[in-house]
Amino acid sequence: MPDWLEHTVQIEVETPIEVVWDLWSDLEQMPRWMKWIDSVTMKDDDPDLSRWKLASGGFEFSWLSRITRLVKHQLIQWESVDGLPNRGAIRFYDRGNHSVVKLTVAYAIPGILGRLMDNLFLGRIVESTLNADMQRFRQYALKAYQS
């Protein structure tokens, strides 16, 4: 049975909610600010399905993800339906001329990998990467807003 690890990071972005929502809800843009995400491809036959590819340090994983809940300007929630087991949510908080973006990601560590790697060590790497991703997103959103 796999172990599940969960991480939550958040950032304040000096742009209106519409800007951050438009960027995050276009999933194929995510590789522009998420370091480990190599590609996201939307499925033509189902707008709630997308194929994700993660690549880092010689590891490569892919999965098919389904949006399980979507509330415009507030929430995008997902879970994988095949491949790398993961789930999470991105929440948006409208603060007038700025927004708060909160990302929660949970993923399963396969039993053998979990035994080889210390979960705390892996957790620190993932959380550090997610924080850096959110900083890149902030810069990307500011640039998009000023254009």
C-alpha atoms as a PDB file:
ATOM      1  CA  MET A   1       0.000   0.000   0.000  1.00  0.00           C
ATOM      2  CA  PRO A   2       1.458   3.386  -0.932  1.00  0.00           C
ATOM      3  CA  ASP A   3       2.107   6.252   1.466  1.00  0.00           C
ATOM      4  CA  TRP A   4       0.388   9.559   0.635  1.00  0.00           C
ATOM      5  CA  LEU A   5       2.234  12.843   1.089  1.00  0.00           C
ATOM      6  CA  GLU A   6       0.422  16.189   0.995  1.00  0.00           C
ATOM      7  CA  HIS A   7       1.767  19.719   0.628  1.00  0.00           C
ATOM      8  CA  THR A   8       0.063  23.106   0.718  1.00  0.00           C
ATOM      9  CA  VAL A   9       1.645  26.347  -0.437  1.00  0.00           C
ATOM     10  CA  GLN A  10       0.128  29.738  -1.067  1.00  0.00           C
ATOM     11  CA  ILE A  11       1.084  33.091  -2.485  1.00  0.00           C
ATOM     12  CA  GLU A  12      -0.365  36.549  -2.780  1.00  0.00           C
ATOM     13  CA  VAL A  13      -0.395  37.941  -6.323  1.00  0.00           C
ATOM     14  CA  GLU A  14      -0.903  41.621  -7.049  1.00  0.00           C
ATOM     15  CA  THR A  15      -3.398  40.981  -9.844  1.00  0.00           C
ATOM     16  CA  PRO A  16      -7.208  40.673  -9.914  1.00  0.00           C
ATOM     17  CA  ILE A  17      -8.811  37.264  -9.478  1.00  0.00           C
ATOM     18  CA  GLU A  18      -9.773  37.111 -13.176  1.00  0.00           C
ATOM     19  CA  VAL A  19      -6.100  37.149 -14.192  1.00  0.00           C
ATOM     20  CA  VAL A  20      -4.971  34.368 -11.862  1.00  0.00           C
ATOM     21  CA  TRP A  21      -8.072  32.315 -12.681  1.00  0.00           C
ATOM     22  CA  ASP A  22      -7.548  32.625 -16.436  1.00  0.00           C
ATOM     23  CA  LEU A  23      -3.926  31.511 -16.148  1.00  0.00           C
ATOM     24  CA  TRP A  24      -4.535  28.517 -13.850  1.00  0.00           C
ATOM     25  CA  SER A  25      -7.670  27.331 -15.629  1.00  0.00           C
ATOM     26  CA  ASP A  26      -5.694  27.037 -18.886  1.00  0.00           C
ATOM     27  CA  LEU A  27      -3.924  23.881 -17.706  1.00  0.00           C
ATOM     28  CA  GLU A  28      -1.694  23.611 -20.776  1.00  0.00           C
ATOM     29  CA  GLN A  29       0.150  26.766 -19.589  1.00  0.00           C
ATOM     30  CA  MET A  30       1.326  25.153 -16.334  1.00  0.00           C
ATOM     31  CA  PRO A  31       4.757  24.061 -17.605  1.00  0.00           C
ATOM     32  CA  ARG A  32       5.562  27.784 -17.931  1.00  0.00           C
ATOM     33  CA  TRP A  33       5.770  28.124 -14.151  1.00  0.00           C
ATOM     34  CA  MET A  34       5.796  24.582 -12.752  1.00  0.00           C
ATOM     35  CA  LYS A  35       9.372  23.297 -12.944  1.00  0.00           C
ATOM     36  CA  TRP A  36       8.672  19.559 -12.929  1.00  0.00           C
ATOM     37  CA  ILE A  37       5.666  19.616 -15.247  1.00  0.00           C
ATOM     38  CA  ASP A  38       6.920  18.834 -18.733  1.00  0.00           C
ATOM     39  CA  SER A  39       3.536  18.982 -20.483  1.00  0.00           C
ATOM     40  CA  VAL A  40      -0.214  19.088 -20.007  1.00  0.00           C
ATOM     41  CA  THR A  41      -2.468  18.075 -22.885  1.00  0.00           C
ATOM     42  CA  MET A  42      -6.231  18.480 -22.746  1.00  0.00           C
ATOM     43  CA  LYS A  43      -8.318  15.587 -24.065  1.00  0.00           C
ATOM     44  CA  ASP A  44     -10.446  16.654 -27.044  1.00  0.00           C
ATOM     45  CA  ASP A  45     -13.300  14.299 -26.207  1.00  0.00           C
ATOM     46  CA  ASP A  46     -13.656  15.330 -22.519  1.00  0.00           C
ATOM     47  CA  PRO A  47     -12.821  18.859 -21.286  1.00  0.00           C
ATOM     48  CA  ASP A  48     -12.407  17.577 -17.702  1.00  0.00           C
ATOM     49  CA  LEU A  49      -9.596  15.165 -18.658  1.00  0.00           C
ATOM     50  CA  SER A  50      -5.959  16.056 -19.221  1.00  0.00           C
ATOM     51  CA  ARG A  51      -2.729  14.065 -19.730  1.00  0.00           C
ATOM     52  CA  TRP A  52       0.163  15.232 -17.516  1.00  0.00           C
ATOM     53  CA  LYS A  53       3.860  14.462 -17.822  1.00  0.00           C
ATOM     54  CA  LEU A  54       6.291  15.114 -14.973  1.00  0.00           C
ATOM     55  CA  ALA A  55      10.029  14.935 -15.594  1.00  0.00           C
ATOM     56  CA  SER A  56      12.820  15.579 -13.088  1.00  0.00           C
ATOM     57  CA  GLY A  57      16.289  14.208 -12.466  1.00  0.00           C
ATOM     58  CA  GLY A  58      15.935  11.210 -14.732  1.00  0.00           C
ATOM     59  CA  PHE A  59      12.492  10.310 -13.412  1.00  0.00           C
ATOM     60  CA  GLU A  60       9.490  10.562 -15.689  1.00  0.00           C
ATOM     61  CA  PHE A  61       5.877   9.968 -14.716  1.00  0.00           C
ATOM     62  CA  SER A  62       2.608  10.543 -16.508  1.00  0.00           C
ATOM     63  CA  TRP A  63      -1.018  10.372 -15.532  1.00  0.00           C
ATOM     64  CA  LEU A  64      -4.496  11.137 -16.704  1.00  0.00           C
ATOM     65  CA  SER A  65      -6.233  13.648 -14.468  1.00  0.00           C
ATOM     66  CA  ARG A  66      -9.909  14.506 -14.089  1.00  0.00           C
ATOM     67  CA  ILE A  67     -11.266  17.797 -12.786  1.00  0.00           C
ATOM     68  CA  THR A  68     -13.673  16.700 -10.062  1.00  0.00           C
ATOM     69  CA  ARG A  69     -14.915  20.122  -9.001  1.00  0.00           C
ATOM     70  CA  LEU A  70     -14.690  23.551 -10.592  1.00  0.00           C
ATOM     71  CA  VAL A  71     -16.080  26.769  -9.117  1.00  0.00           C
ATOM     72  CA  LYS A  72     -15.157  29.771 -11.279  1.00  0.00           C
ATOM     73  CA  HIS A  73     -12.760  32.196  -9.557  1.00  0.00           C
ATOM     74  CA  GLN A  74     -12.683  29.951  -6.456  1.00  0.00           C
ATOM     75  CA  LEU A  75     -11.630  26.328  -6.939  1.00  0.00           C
ATOM     76  CA  ILE A  76     -10.196  23.733  -9.308  1.00  0.00           C
ATOM     77  CA  GLN A  77     -10.062  20.270  -7.744  1.00  0.00           C
ATOM     78  CA  TRP A  78      -8.644  17.163  -9.441  1.00  0.00           C
ATOM     79  CA  GLU A  79      -7.600  13.556  -9.048  1.00  0.00           C
ATOM     80  CA  SER A  80      -5.654  11.199 -11.251  1.00  0.00           C
ATOM     81  CA  VAL A  81      -7.581   8.396 -12.919  1.00  0.00           C
ATOM     82  CA  ASP A  82      -4.524   6.456 -14.143  1.00  0.00           C
ATOM     83  CA  GLY A  83      -0.748   6.645 -13.891  1.00  0.00           C
ATOM     84  CA  LEU A  84       0.895   8.469 -10.973  1.00  0.00           C
ATOM     85  CA  PRO A  85      -1.662   8.574  -8.125  1.00  0.00           C
ATOM     86  CA  ASN A  86      -2.297  12.187  -7.113  1.00  0.00           C
ATOM     87  CA  ARG A  87      -5.034  14.622  -6.169  1.00  0.00           C
ATOM     88  CA  GLY A  88      -5.332  18.192  -5.072  1.00  0.00           C
ATOM     89  CA  ALA A  89      -6.935  21.575  -5.341  1.00  0.00           C
ATOM     90  CA  ILE A  90      -6.060  25.101  -6.273  1.00  0.00           C
ATOM     91  CA  ARG A  91      -8.066  27.718  -4.379  1.00  0.00           C
ATOM     92  CA  PHE A  92      -8.424  31.370  -5.270  1.00  0.00           C
ATOM     93  CA  TYR A  93      -9.266  34.172  -2.862  1.00  0.00           C
ATOM     94  CA  ASP A  94     -10.356  37.550  -4.240  1.00  0.00           C
ATOM     95  CA  ARG A  95      -8.810  40.460  -2.358  1.00  0.00           C
ATOM     96  CA  GLY A  96      -9.930  43.223  -4.739  1.00  0.00           C
ATOM     97  CA  ASN A  97      -6.878  44.360  -6.692  1.00  0.00           C
ATOM     98  CA  HIS A  98      -4.885  41.288  -5.637  1.00  0.00           C
ATOM     99  CA  SER A  99      -5.503  37.572  -5.132  1.00  0.00           C
ATOM    100  CA  VAL A 100      -4.375  34.749  -2.888  1.00  0.00           C
ATOM    101  CA  VAL A 101      -3.642  31.442  -4.604  1.00  0.00           C
ATOM    102  CA  LYS A 102      -3.437  28.299  -2.441  1.00  0.00           C
ATOM    103  CA  LEU A 103      -2.241  25.016  -3.934  1.00  0.00           C
ATOM    104  CA  THR A 104      -2.660  21.652  -2.208  1.00  0.00           C
ATOM    105  CA  VAL A 105      -1.097  18.584  -3.826  1.00  0.00           C
ATOM    106  CA  ALA A 106      -1.194  15.007  -2.532  1.00  0.00           C
ATOM    107  CA  TYR A 107       0.597  12.100  -4.193  1.00  0.00           C
ATOM    108  CA  ALA A 108       1.171   8.450  -3.474  1.00  0.00           C
ATOM    109  CA  ILE A 109       4.684   7.145  -3.012  1.00  0.00           C
ATOM    110  CA  PRO A 110       4.964   3.567  -4.299  1.00  0.00           C
ATOM    111  CA  GLY A 111       5.968   1.163  -1.511  1.00  0.00           C
ATOM    112  CA  ILE A 112       9.458   0.405  -2.825  1.00  0.00           C
ATOM    113  CA  LEU A 113      10.244   4.052  -3.591  1.00  0.00           C
ATOM    114  CA  GLY A 114       8.941   5.075  -0.176  1.00  0.00           C
ATOM    115  CA  ARG A 115      11.313   2.629   1.485  1.00  0.00           C
ATOM    116  CA  LEU A 116      14.263   3.861  -0.566  1.00  0.00           C
ATOM    117  CA  MET A 117      13.651   7.557   0.071  1.00  0.00           C
ATOM    118  CA  ASP A 118      13.033   9.249   3.379  1.00  0.00           C
ATOM    119  CA  ASN A 119       9.536  10.788   3.152  1.00  0.00           C
ATOM    120  CA  LEU A 120      10.668  13.881   5.058  1.00  0.00           C
ATOM    121  CA  PHE A 121      13.560  14.445   2.640  1.00  0.00           C
ATOM    122  CA  LEU A 122      11.310  13.998  -0.397  1.00  0.00           C
ATOM    123  CA  GLY A 123       8.651  16.199   1.188  1.00  0.00           C
ATOM    124  CA  ARG A 124      11.109  19.062   1.694  1.00  0.00           C
ATOM    125  CA  ILE A 125      12.220  18.876  -1.945  1.00  0.00           C
ATOM    126  CA  VAL A 126       8.639  18.868  -3.235  1.00  0.00           C
ATOM    127  CA  GLU A 127       7.530  21.706  -0.965  1.00  0.00           C
ATOM    128  CA  SER A 128      10.567  23.797  -1.899  1.00  0.00           C
ATOM    129  CA  THR A 129       9.836  23.192  -5.591  1.00  0.00           C
ATOM    130  CA  LEU A 130       6.156  24.099  -5.174  1.00  0.00           C
ATOM    131  CA  ASN A 131       7.076  27.334  -3.383  1.00  0.00           C
ATOM    132  CA  ALA A 132       9.459  28.225  -6.219  1.00  0.00           C
ATOM    133  CA  ASP A 133       6.725  27.347  -8.743  1.00  0.00           C
ATOM    134  CA  MET A 134       4.332  29.720  -6.987  1.00  0.00           C
ATOM    135  CA  GLN A 135       6.939  32.496  -7.103  1.00  0.00           C
ATOM    136  CA  ARG A 136       7.356  31.872 -10.850  1.00  0.00           C
ATOM    137  CA  PHE A 137       3.572  31.958 -11.210  1.00  0.00           C
ATOM    138  CA  ARG A 138       3.430  35.292  -9.373  1.00  0.00           C
ATOM    139  CA  GLN A 139       5.984  36.785 -11.791  1.00  0.00           C
ATOM    140  CA  TYR A 140       4.192  35.252 -14.785  1.00  0.00           C
ATOM    141  CA  ALA A 141       0.811  36.649 -13.641  1.00  0.00           C
ATOM    142  CA  LEU A 142       2.242  40.114 -12.993  1.00  0.00           C
ATOM    143  CA  LYS A 143       3.784  40.165 -16.460  1.00  0.00           C
ATOM    144  CA  ALA A 144       0.515  38.972 -18.049  1.00  0.00           C
ATOM    145  CA  TYR A 145      -1.462  41.618 -16.135  1.00  0.00           C
ATOM    146  CA  GLN A 146       0.871  44.446 -17.137  1.00  0.00           C
ATOM    147  CA  SER A 147       0.761  43.483 -20.827  1.00  0.00           C
END
